[in-house]
Amino acid sequence: MQIRHGDVFLRKIESIDKGLKKVESNVIEAGEATGHHHRGINMELYADDKGVIREVEVPQEGYLVHEDHYPIQVEKGAYEIVRQVEYNPYEETARRVMD
C-alpha cells in the first residue's frame, strides 16, 4: 500500500523501527514555504534522533490532512515516510521539495 499526499509519500511496512522514538505531535511534515503542515489524525508518529518523523503507526483508521489538499483516509498499519525530492539534471543535484 502506498499513499501520496502532496509532497508526503507513505509506504506500508511490517512494523515500526525500534530505534525510533514516539513523539507527541501530529505534524508529519512542516510547511516551510506556506506554513501549512501535513498532519496525521489518529496516528502515532516516530522520529529519528534528529527529530525527523520517519514512520507512523495507524492503530485504527486515520487521516492525512493539509490545508491545500483533500484529507486522505489511511488504513490501520505501519508506514514509512518518504520525502519527495527534485533533481536538477543540469547541476546534477537533488533537493527536498518544500511545501
PDB file of N, CA and C in Angstrom:
ATOM      1  N   MET A   1       0.849  -1.184   0.000  1.00  0.00           N
ATOM      2  CA  MET A   1       0.000   0.000   0.000  1.00  0.00           C
ATOM      3  C   MET A   1       0.884   1.232   0.000  1.00  0.00           C
ATOM      4  N   GLN A   2       0.554   2.176  -0.858  1.00  0.00           N
ATOM      5  CA  GLN A   2       1.276   3.435  -0.970  1.00  0.00           C
ATOM      6  C   GLN A   2       0.279   4.567  -1.031  1.00  0.00           C
ATOM      7  N   ILE A   3       0.621   5.678  -0.370  1.00  0.00           N
ATOM      8  CA  ILE A   3      -0.268   6.836  -0.338  1.00  0.00           C
ATOM      9  C   ILE A   3       0.560   8.092  -0.563  1.00  0.00           C
ATOM     10  N   ARG A   4       0.144   8.916  -1.520  1.00  0.00           N
ATOM     11  CA  ARG A   4       0.794  10.208  -1.742  1.00  0.00           C
ATOM     12  C   ARG A   4      -0.180  11.303  -1.350  1.00  0.00           C
ATOM     13  N   HIS A   5       0.344  12.274  -0.605  1.00  0.00           N
ATOM     14  CA  HIS A   5      -0.444  13.432  -0.166  1.00  0.00           C
ATOM     15  C   HIS A   5       0.444  14.649  -0.326  1.00  0.00           C
ATOM     16  N   GLY A   6       0.360  15.316  -1.481  1.00  0.00           N
ATOM     17  CA  GLY A   6       1.265  16.426  -1.757  1.00  0.00           C
ATOM     18  C   GLY A   6       2.690  15.903  -1.847  1.00  0.00           C
ATOM     19  N   ASP A   7       3.592  16.492  -1.057  1.00  0.00           N
ATOM     20  CA  ASP A   7       4.989  16.057  -1.089  1.00  0.00           C
ATOM     21  C   ASP A   7       5.307  14.987  -0.050  1.00  0.00           C
ATOM     22  N   VAL A   8       4.289  14.429   0.600  1.00  0.00           N
ATOM     23  CA  VAL A   8       4.479  13.342   1.564  1.00  0.00           C
ATOM     24  C   VAL A   8       3.994  12.035   0.937  1.00  0.00           C
ATOM     25  N   PHE A   9       4.808  11.008   1.065  1.00  0.00           N
ATOM     26  CA  PHE A   9       4.511   9.696   0.496  1.00  0.00           C
ATOM     27  C   PHE A   9       4.634   8.662   1.608  1.00  0.00           C
ATOM     28  N   LEU A  10       3.596   7.874   1.826  1.00  0.00           N
ATOM     29  CA  LEU A  10       3.605   6.810   2.824  1.00  0.00           C
ATOM     30  C   LEU A  10       3.693   5.462   2.128  1.00  0.00           C
ATOM     31  N   ARG A  11       4.604   4.623   2.622  1.00  0.00           N
ATOM     32  CA  ARG A  11       4.760   3.272   2.089  1.00  0.00           C
ATOM     33  C   ARG A  11       4.581   2.304   3.256  1.00  0.00           C
ATOM     34  N   LYS A  12       3.662   1.353   3.114  1.00  0.00           N
ATOM     35  CA  LYS A  12       3.363   0.404   4.189  1.00  0.00           C
ATOM     36  C   LYS A  12       4.576  -0.472   4.488  1.00  0.00           C
ATOM     37  N   ILE A  13       4.832  -0.687   5.785  1.00  0.00           N
ATOM     38  CA  ILE A  13       5.933  -1.526   6.244  1.00  0.00           C
ATOM     39  C   ILE A  13       5.389  -2.529   7.256  1.00  0.00           C
ATOM     40  N   GLU A  14       6.207  -3.500   7.616  1.00  0.00           N
ATOM     41  CA  GLU A  14       5.778  -4.541   8.566  1.00  0.00           C
ATOM     42  C   GLU A  14       5.576  -3.998   9.973  1.00  0.00           C
ATOM     43  N   SER A  15       6.548  -3.206  10.458  1.00  0.00           N
ATOM     44  CA  SER A  15       6.468  -2.691  11.824  1.00  0.00           C
ATOM     45  C   SER A  15       7.363  -1.467  11.970  1.00  0.00           C
ATOM     46  N   ILE A  16       7.145  -0.724  13.049  1.00  0.00           N
ATOM     47  CA  ILE A  16       7.919   0.475  13.342  1.00  0.00           C
ATOM     48  C   ILE A  16       9.333   0.080  13.763  1.00  0.00           C
ATOM     49  N   ASP A  17      10.322   0.800  13.256  1.00  0.00           N
ATOM     50  CA  ASP A  17      11.722   0.595  13.617  1.00  0.00           C
ATOM     51  C   ASP A  17      11.893   0.863  15.115  1.00  0.00           C
ATOM     52  N   LYS A  18      12.447  -0.094  15.843  1.00  0.00           N
ATOM     53  CA  LYS A  18      12.599   0.008  17.294  1.00  0.00           C
ATOM     54  C   LYS A  18      13.584   1.104  17.701  1.00  0.00           C
ATOM     55  N   GLY A  19      14.418   1.595  16.780  1.00  0.00           N
ATOM     56  CA  GLY A  19      15.360   2.660  17.078  1.00  0.00           C
ATOM     57  C   GLY A  19      14.746   4.050  17.048  1.00  0.00           C
ATOM     58  N   LEU A  20      13.502   4.147  16.599  1.00  0.00           N
ATOM     59  CA  LEU A  20      12.807   5.438  16.541  1.00  0.00           C
ATOM     60  C   LEU A  20      12.079   5.705  17.846  1.00  0.00           C
ATOM     61  N   LYS A  21      11.817   6.992  18.114  1.00  0.00           N
ATOM     62  CA  LYS A  21      11.128   7.381  19.347  1.00  0.00           C
ATOM     63  C   LYS A  21       9.786   8.018  19.024  1.00  0.00           C
ATOM     64  N   LYS A  22       8.768   7.634  19.782  1.00  0.00           N
ATOM     65  CA  LYS A  22       7.435   8.202  19.621  1.00  0.00           C
ATOM     66  C   LYS A  22       7.463   9.668  20.037  1.00  0.00           C
ATOM     67  N   VAL A  23       6.801  10.510  19.247  1.00  0.00           N
ATOM     68  CA  VAL A  23       6.731  11.941  19.558  1.00  0.00           C
ATOM     69  C   VAL A  23       5.287  12.339  19.830  1.00  0.00           C
ATOM     70  N   GLU A  24       5.116  13.380  20.612  1.00  0.00           N
ATOM     71  CA  GLU A  24       3.786  13.872  20.973  1.00  0.00           C
ATOM     72  C   GLU A  24       3.405  15.033  20.061  1.00  0.00           C
ATOM     73  N   SER A  25       3.237  14.754  18.807  1.00  0.00           N
ATOM     74  CA  SER A  25       2.869  15.757  17.809  1.00  0.00           C
ATOM     75  C   SER A  25       2.073  15.060  16.724  1.00  0.00           C
ATOM     76  N   ASN A  26       1.322  15.833  15.967  1.00  0.00           N
ATOM     77  CA  ASN A  26       0.650  15.240  14.808  1.00  0.00           C
ATOM     78  C   ASN A  26       1.179  15.811  13.492  1.00  0.00           C
ATOM     79  N   VAL A  27       2.249  16.641  13.555  1.00  0.00           N
ATOM     80  CA  VAL A  27       2.834  17.234  12.352  1.00  0.00           C
ATOM     81  C   VAL A  27       3.845  16.265  11.742  1.00  0.00           C
ATOM     82  N   ILE A  28       3.483  15.736  10.580  1.00  0.00           N
ATOM     83  CA  ILE A  28       4.375  14.811   9.863  1.00  0.00           C
ATOM     84  C   ILE A  28       5.439  15.597   9.107  1.00  0.00           C
ATOM     85  N   GLU A  29       5.021  16.644   8.425  1.00  0.00           N
ATOM     86  CA  GLU A  29       5.946  17.462   7.640  1.00  0.00           C
ATOM     87  C   GLU A  29       5.504  18.915   7.757  1.00  0.00           C
ATOM     88  N   ALA A  30       6.407  19.769   8.244  1.00  0.00           N
ATOM     89  CA  ALA A  30       6.106  21.193   8.388  1.00  0.00           C
ATOM     90  C   ALA A  30       6.131  21.860   7.018  1.00  0.00           C
ATOM     91  N   GLY A  31       5.250  22.807   6.829  1.00  0.00           N
ATOM     92  CA  GLY A  31       5.199  23.564   5.575  1.00  0.00           C
ATOM     93  C   GLY A  31       6.124  24.756   5.657  1.00  0.00           C
ATOM     94  N   GLU A  32       7.357  24.596   5.207  1.00  0.00           N
ATOM     95  CA  GLU A  32       8.361  25.651   5.308  1.00  0.00           C
ATOM     96  C   GLU A  32       7.972  26.887   4.498  1.00  0.00           C
ATOM     97  N   ALA A  33       7.445  26.693   3.312  1.00  0.00           N
ATOM     98  CA  ALA A  33       7.130  27.813   2.424  1.00  0.00           C
ATOM     99  C   ALA A  33       5.778  28.451   2.751  1.00  0.00           C
ATOM    100  N   THR A  34       4.775  27.636   3.058  1.00  0.00           N
ATOM    101  CA  THR A  34       3.412  28.152   3.234  1.00  0.00           C
ATOM    102  C   THR A  34       2.959  28.233   4.679  1.00  0.00           C
ATOM    103  N   GLY A  35       3.627  27.495   5.576  1.00  0.00           N
ATOM    104  CA  GLY A  35       3.154  27.413   6.958  1.00  0.00           C
ATOM    105  C   GLY A  35       2.055  26.383   7.131  1.00  0.00           C
ATOM    106  N   HIS A  36       1.658  25.739   6.047  1.00  0.00           N
ATOM    107  CA  HIS A  36       0.648  24.681   6.104  1.00  0.00           C
ATOM    108  C   HIS A  36       1.363  23.361   6.341  1.00  0.00           C
ATOM    109  N   HIS A  37       0.908  22.606   7.320  1.00  0.00           N
ATOM    110  CA  HIS A  37       1.575  21.366   7.709  1.00  0.00           C
ATOM    111  C   HIS A  37       0.787  20.131   7.279  1.00  0.00           C
ATOM    112  N   HIS A  38       1.507  19.070   6.940  1.00  0.00           N
ATOM    113  CA  HIS A  38       0.895  17.756   6.760  1.00  0.00           C
ATOM    114  C   HIS A  38       0.754  17.159   8.154  1.00  0.00           C
ATOM    115  N   ARG A  39      -0.476  16.787   8.521  1.00  0.00           N
ATOM    116  CA  ARG A  39      -0.740  16.254   9.850  1.00  0.00           C
ATOM    117  C   ARG A  39      -1.340  14.859   9.748  1.00  0.00           C
ATOM    118  N   GLY A  40      -1.067  14.064  10.774  1.00  0.00           N
ATOM    119  CA  GLY A  40      -1.656  12.741  10.883  1.00  0.00           C
ATOM    120  C   GLY A  40      -2.715  12.745  11.959  1.00  0.00           C
ATOM    121  N   ILE A  41      -3.938  12.399  11.603  1.00  0.00           N
ATOM    122  CA  ILE A  41      -5.040  12.308  12.560  1.00  0.00           C
ATOM    123  C   ILE A  41      -5.236  10.835  12.899  1.00  0.00           C
ATOM    124  N   ASN A  42      -5.312  10.526  14.199  1.00  0.00           N
ATOM    125  CA  ASN A  42      -5.388   9.137  14.687  1.00  0.00           C
ATOM    126  C   ASN A  42      -4.148   8.350  14.273  1.00  0.00           C
ATOM    127  N   MET A  43      -2.971   8.991  14.385  1.00  0.00           N
ATOM    128  CA  MET A  43      -1.695   8.354  14.052  1.00  0.00           C
ATOM    129  C   MET A  43      -0.703   8.603  15.178  1.00  0.00           C
ATOM    130  N   GLU A  44       0.210   7.655  15.359  1.00  0.00           N
ATOM    131  CA  GLU A  44       1.332   7.819  16.271  1.00  0.00           C
ATOM    132  C   GLU A  44       2.568   8.049  15.413  1.00  0.00           C
ATOM    133  N   LEU A  45       3.312   9.119  15.701  1.00  0.00           N
ATOM    134  CA  LEU A  45       4.464   9.498  14.897  1.00  0.00           C
ATOM    135  C   LEU A  45       5.755   9.099  15.596  1.00  0.00           C
ATOM    136  N   TYR A  46       6.742   8.646  14.805  1.00  0.00           N
ATOM    137  CA  TYR A  46       8.030   8.193  15.325  1.00  0.00           C
ATOM    138  C   TYR A  46       9.149   8.922  14.600  1.00  0.00           C
ATOM    139  N   ALA A  47      10.100   9.467  15.390  1.00  0.00           N
ATOM    140  CA  ALA A  47      11.183  10.277  14.843  1.00  0.00           C
ATOM    141  C   ALA A  47      12.541   9.642  15.104  1.00  0.00           C
ATOM    142  N   ASP A  48      13.515  10.056  14.285  1.00  0.00           N
ATOM    143  CA  ASP A  48      14.898   9.623  14.499  1.00  0.00           C
ATOM    144  C   ASP A  48      15.529  10.511  15.575  1.00  0.00           C
ATOM    145  N   ASP A  49      16.819  10.346  15.832  1.00  0.00           N
ATOM    146  CA  ASP A  49      17.482  11.101  16.892  1.00  0.00           C
ATOM    147  C   ASP A  49      17.648  12.580  16.564  1.00  0.00           C
ATOM    148  N   LYS A  50      17.377  12.979  15.317  1.00  0.00           N
ATOM    149  CA  LYS A  50      17.421  14.394  14.936  1.00  0.00           C
ATOM    150  C   LYS A  50      16.033  15.038  14.983  1.00  0.00           C
ATOM    151  N   GLY A  51      15.022  14.247  15.343  1.00  0.00           N
ATOM    152  CA  GLY A  51      13.661  14.769  15.435  1.00  0.00           C
ATOM    153  C   GLY A  51      12.878  14.725  14.137  1.00  0.00           C
ATOM    154  N   VAL A  52      13.419  14.070  13.110  1.00  0.00           N
ATOM    155  CA  VAL A  52      12.731  13.962  11.818  1.00  0.00           C
ATOM    156  C   VAL A  52      11.759  12.786  11.880  1.00  0.00           C
ATOM    157  N   ILE A  53      10.496  13.056  11.560  1.00  0.00           N
ATOM    158  CA  ILE A  53       9.488  11.994  11.564  1.00  0.00           C
ATOM    159  C   ILE A  53       9.814  11.040  10.425  1.00  0.00           C
ATOM    160  N   ARG A  54      10.014   9.754  10.757  1.00  0.00           N
ATOM    161  CA  ARG A  54      10.394   8.747   9.769  1.00  0.00           C
ATOM    162  C   ARG A  54       9.300   7.722   9.503  1.00  0.00           C
ATOM    163  N   GLU A  55       8.496   7.425  10.544  1.00  0.00           N
ATOM    164  CA  GLU A  55       7.468   6.391  10.401  1.00  0.00           C
ATOM    165  C   GLU A  55       6.238   6.786  11.211  1.00  0.00           C
ATOM    166  N   VAL A  56       5.092   6.231  10.815  1.00  0.00           N
ATOM    167  CA  VAL A  56       3.842   6.444  11.549  1.00  0.00           C
ATOM    168  C   VAL A  56       3.143   5.111  11.762  1.00  0.00           C
ATOM    169  N   GLU A  57       2.453   5.021  12.869  1.00  0.00           N
ATOM    170  CA  GLU A  57       1.621   3.848  13.184  1.00  0.00           C
ATOM    171  C   GLU A  57       0.178   4.326  13.223  1.00  0.00           C
ATOM    172  N   VAL A  58      -0.680   3.609  12.523  1.00  0.00           N
ATOM    173  CA  VAL A  58      -2.105   3.931  12.496  1.00  0.00           C
ATOM    174  C   VAL A  58      -2.827   2.786  13.212  1.00  0.00           C
ATOM    175  N   PRO A  59      -3.181   2.988  14.515  1.00  0.00           N
ATOM    176  CA  PRO A  59      -3.779   1.897  15.284  1.00  0.00           C
ATOM    177  C   PRO A  59      -5.200   1.552  14.840  1.00  0.00           C
ATOM    178  N   GLN A  60      -5.877   2.513  14.257  1.00  0.00           N
ATOM    179  CA  GLN A  60      -7.199   2.315  13.659  1.00  0.00           C
ATOM    180  C   GLN A  60      -7.260   3.265  12.476  1.00  0.00           C
ATOM    181  N   GLU A  61      -8.334   3.355  11.790  1.00  0.00           N
ATOM    182  CA  GLU A  61      -8.420   4.241  10.632  1.00  0.00           C
ATOM    183  C   GLU A  61      -7.933   5.644  10.976  1.00  0.00           C
ATOM    184  N   GLY A  62      -7.069   6.211  10.122  1.00  0.00           N
ATOM    185  CA  GLY A  62      -6.546   7.552  10.333  1.00  0.00           C
ATOM    186  C   GLY A  62      -6.682   8.382   9.067  1.00  0.00           C
ATOM    187  N   TYR A  63      -6.189   9.617   9.143  1.00  0.00           N
ATOM    188  CA  TYR A  63      -6.283  10.533   8.005  1.00  0.00           C
ATOM    189  C   TYR A  63      -5.020  11.368   7.891  1.00  0.00           C
ATOM    190  N   LEU A  64      -4.622  11.652   6.656  1.00  0.00           N
ATOM    191  CA  LEU A  64      -3.607  12.648   6.366  1.00  0.00           C
ATOM    192  C   LEU A  64      -4.354  13.915   5.990  1.00  0.00           C
ATOM    193  N   VAL A  65      -4.008  15.033   6.614  1.00  0.00           N
ATOM    194  CA  VAL A  65      -4.687  16.295   6.324  1.00  0.00           C
ATOM    195  C   VAL A  65      -3.670  17.391   6.044  1.00  0.00           C
ATOM    196  N   HIS A  66      -4.094  18.358   5.236  1.00  0.00           N
ATOM    197  CA  HIS A  66      -3.273  19.505   4.851  1.00  0.00           C
ATOM    198  C   HIS A  66      -4.228  20.560   4.320  1.00  0.00           C
ATOM    199  N   GLU A  67      -3.932  21.822   4.576  1.00  0.00           N
ATOM    200  CA  GLU A  67      -4.814  22.905   4.166  1.00  0.00           C
ATOM    201  C   GLU A  67      -5.015  23.001   2.656  1.00  0.00           C
ATOM    202  N   ASP A  68      -4.039  22.542   1.879  1.00  0.00           N
ATOM    203  CA  ASP A  68      -4.112  22.670   0.420  1.00  0.00           C
ATOM    204  C   ASP A  68      -4.530  21.393  -0.308  1.00  0.00           C
ATOM    205  N   HIS A  69      -4.832  20.322   0.441  1.00  0.00           N
ATOM    206  CA  HIS A  69      -5.197  19.039  -0.169  1.00  0.00           C
ATOM    207  C   HIS A  69      -6.429  18.480   0.529  1.00  0.00           C
ATOM    208  N   TYR A  70      -7.150  17.626  -0.159  1.00  0.00           N
ATOM    209  CA  TYR A  70      -8.251  16.912   0.474  1.00  0.00           C
ATOM    210  C   TYR A  70      -7.684  15.909   1.479  1.00  0.00           C
ATOM    211  N   PRO A  71      -8.413  15.640   2.575  1.00  0.00           N
ATOM    212  CA  PRO A  71      -7.956  14.598   3.517  1.00  0.00           C
ATOM    213  C   PRO A  71      -7.931  13.239   2.821  1.00  0.00           C
ATOM    214  N   ILE A  72      -6.976  12.412   3.229  1.00  0.00           N
ATOM    215  CA  ILE A  72      -6.862  11.067   2.679  1.00  0.00           C
ATOM    216  C   ILE A  72      -6.980  10.072   3.820  1.00  0.00           C
ATOM    217  N   GLN A  73      -7.850   9.101   3.645  1.00  0.00           N
ATOM    218  CA  GLN A  73      -8.024   8.038   4.631  1.00  0.00           C
ATOM    219  C   GLN A  73      -6.832   7.087   4.572  1.00  0.00           C
ATOM    220  N   VAL A  74      -6.339   6.689   5.756  1.00  0.00           N
ATOM    221  CA  VAL A  74      -5.196   5.763   5.848  1.00  0.00           C
ATOM    222  C   VAL A  74      -5.633   4.572   6.684  1.00  0.00           C
ATOM    223  N   GLU A  75      -5.471   3.368   6.136  1.00  0.00           N
ATOM    224  CA  GLU A  75      -5.896   2.173   6.868  1.00  0.00           C
ATOM    225  C   GLU A  75      -4.894   1.824   7.970  1.00  0.00           C
ATOM    226  N   LYS A  76      -5.353   1.023   8.901  1.00  0.00           N
ATOM    227  CA  LYS A  76      -4.562   0.567  10.030  1.00  0.00           C
ATOM    228  C   LYS A  76      -3.247  -0.050   9.544  1.00  0.00           C
ATOM    229  N   GLY A  77      -2.141   0.253  10.255  1.00  0.00           N
ATOM    230  CA  GLY A  77      -0.849  -0.334   9.910  1.00  0.00           C
ATOM    231  C   GLY A  77       0.304   0.595  10.211  1.00  0.00           C
ATOM    232  N   ALA A  78       1.500   0.169   9.833  1.00  0.00           N
ATOM    233  CA  ALA A  78       2.725   0.945   9.999  1.00  0.00           C
ATOM    234  C   ALA A  78       3.174   1.438   8.627  1.00  0.00           C
ATOM    235  N   TYR A  79       3.707   2.670   8.582  1.00  0.00           N
ATOM    236  CA  TYR A  79       4.105   3.279   7.317  1.00  0.00           C
ATOM    237  C   TYR A  79       5.427   4.021   7.468  1.00  0.00           C
ATOM    238  N   GLU A  80       6.250   3.909   6.441  1.00  0.00           N
ATOM    239  CA  GLU A  80       7.474   4.691   6.328  1.00  0.00           C
ATOM    240  C   GLU A  80       7.121   5.974   5.594  1.00  0.00           C
ATOM    241  N   ILE A  81       7.749   7.081   5.985  1.00  0.00           N
ATOM    242  CA  ILE A  81       7.535   8.351   5.302  1.00  0.00           C
ATOM    243  C   ILE A  81       8.688   8.569   4.330  1.00  0.00           C
ATOM    244  N   VAL A  82       8.352   8.776   3.077  1.00  0.00           N
ATOM    245  CA  VAL A  82       9.343   9.052   2.043  1.00  0.00           C
ATOM    246  C   VAL A  82       9.106  10.486   1.596  1.00  0.00           C
ATOM    247  N   ARG A  83      10.142  11.301   1.672  1.00  0.00           N
ATOM    248  CA  ARG A  83      10.004  12.701   1.287  1.00  0.00           C
ATOM    249  C   ARG A  83      10.389  12.887  -0.177  1.00  0.00           C
ATOM    250  N   GLN A  84       9.622  13.720  -0.859  1.00  0.00           N
ATOM    251  CA  GLN A  84       9.839  13.957  -2.287  1.00  0.00           C
ATOM    252  C   GLN A  84      11.069  14.836  -2.498  1.00  0.00           C
ATOM    253  N   VAL A  85      11.833  14.502  -3.524  1.00  0.00           N
ATOM    254  CA  VAL A  85      12.992  15.315  -3.899  1.00  0.00           C
ATOM    255  C   VAL A  85      12.867  15.733  -5.358  1.00  0.00           C
ATOM    256  N   GLU A  86      13.509  16.852  -5.684  1.00  0.00           N
ATOM    257  CA  GLU A  86      13.584  17.332  -7.056  1.00  0.00           C
ATOM    258  C   GLU A  86      15.019  17.177  -7.535  1.00  0.00           C
ATOM    259  N   TYR A  87      15.181  16.680  -8.746  1.00  0.00           N
ATOM    260  CA  TYR A  87      16.514  16.502  -9.313  1.00  0.00           C
ATOM    261  C   TYR A  87      16.737  17.533 -10.407  1.00  0.00           C
ATOM    262  N   ASN A  88      17.888  18.207 -10.358  1.00  0.00           N
ATOM    263  CA  ASN A  88      18.261  19.161 -11.391  1.00  0.00           C
ATOM    264  C   ASN A  88      19.343  18.508 -12.254  1.00  0.00           C
ATOM    265  N   PRO A  89      18.999  18.091 -13.472  1.00  0.00           N
ATOM    266  CA  PRO A  89      19.969  17.377 -14.303  1.00  0.00           C
ATOM    267  C   PRO A  89      21.124  18.261 -14.781  1.00  0.00           C
ATOM    268  N   TYR A  90      20.924  19.573 -14.830  1.00  0.00           N
ATOM    269  CA  TYR A  90      21.983  20.476 -15.283  1.00  0.00           C
ATOM    270  C   TYR A  90      23.068  20.638 -14.220  1.00  0.00           C
ATOM    271  N   GLU A  91      22.636  20.703 -12.962  1.00  0.00           N
ATOM    272  CA  GLU A  91      23.589  20.839 -11.855  1.00  0.00           C
ATOM    273  C   GLU A  91      23.939  19.486 -11.226  1.00  0.00           C
ATOM    274  N   GLU A  92      23.182  18.454 -11.643  1.00  0.00           N
ATOM    275  CA  GLU A  92      23.321  17.102 -11.070  1.00  0.00           C
ATOM    276  C   GLU A  92      23.202  17.145  -9.546  1.00  0.00           C
ATOM    277  N   THR A  93      22.160  17.824  -9.092  1.00  0.00           N
ATOM    278  CA  THR A  93      21.878  17.927  -7.662  1.00  0.00           C
ATOM    279  C   THR A  93      20.439  17.546  -7.388  1.00  0.00           C
ATOM    280  N   ALA A  94      20.188  17.124  -6.163  1.00  0.00           N
ATOM    281  CA  ALA A  94      18.842  16.829  -5.720  1.00  0.00           C
ATOM    282  C   ALA A  94      18.583  17.618  -4.451  1.00  0.00           C
ATOM    283  N   ARG A  95      17.336  18.068  -4.294  1.00  0.00           N
ATOM    284  CA  ARG A  95      16.958  18.769  -3.064  1.00  0.00           C
ATOM    285  C   ARG A  95      15.553  18.355  -2.671  1.00  0.00           C
ATOM    286  N   ARG A  96      15.301  18.388  -1.376  1.00  0.00           N
ATOM    287  CA  ARG A  96      13.990  18.024  -0.856  1.00  0.00           C
ATOM    288  C   ARG A  96      12.980  19.086  -1.250  1.00  0.00           C
ATOM    289  N   VAL A  97      11.802  18.661  -1.677  1.00  0.00           N
ATOM    290  CA  VAL A  97      10.719  19.567  -2.029  1.00  0.00           C
ATOM    291  C   VAL A  97      10.212  20.236  -0.756  1.00  0.00           C
ATOM    292  N   MET A  98      10.023  21.540  -0.818  1.00  0.00           N
ATOM    293  CA  MET A  98       9.489  22.273   0.330  1.00  0.00           C
ATOM    294  C   MET A  98       8.095  22.742  -0.012  1.00  0.00           C
ATOM    295  N   ASP A  99       7.194  22.523   0.924  1.00  0.00           N
ATOM    296  CA  ASP A  99       5.785  22.851   0.738  1.00  0.00           C
ATOM    297  C   ASP A  99       5.506  24.224   1.300  1.00  0.00           C
TER     298      ASP A  99
END
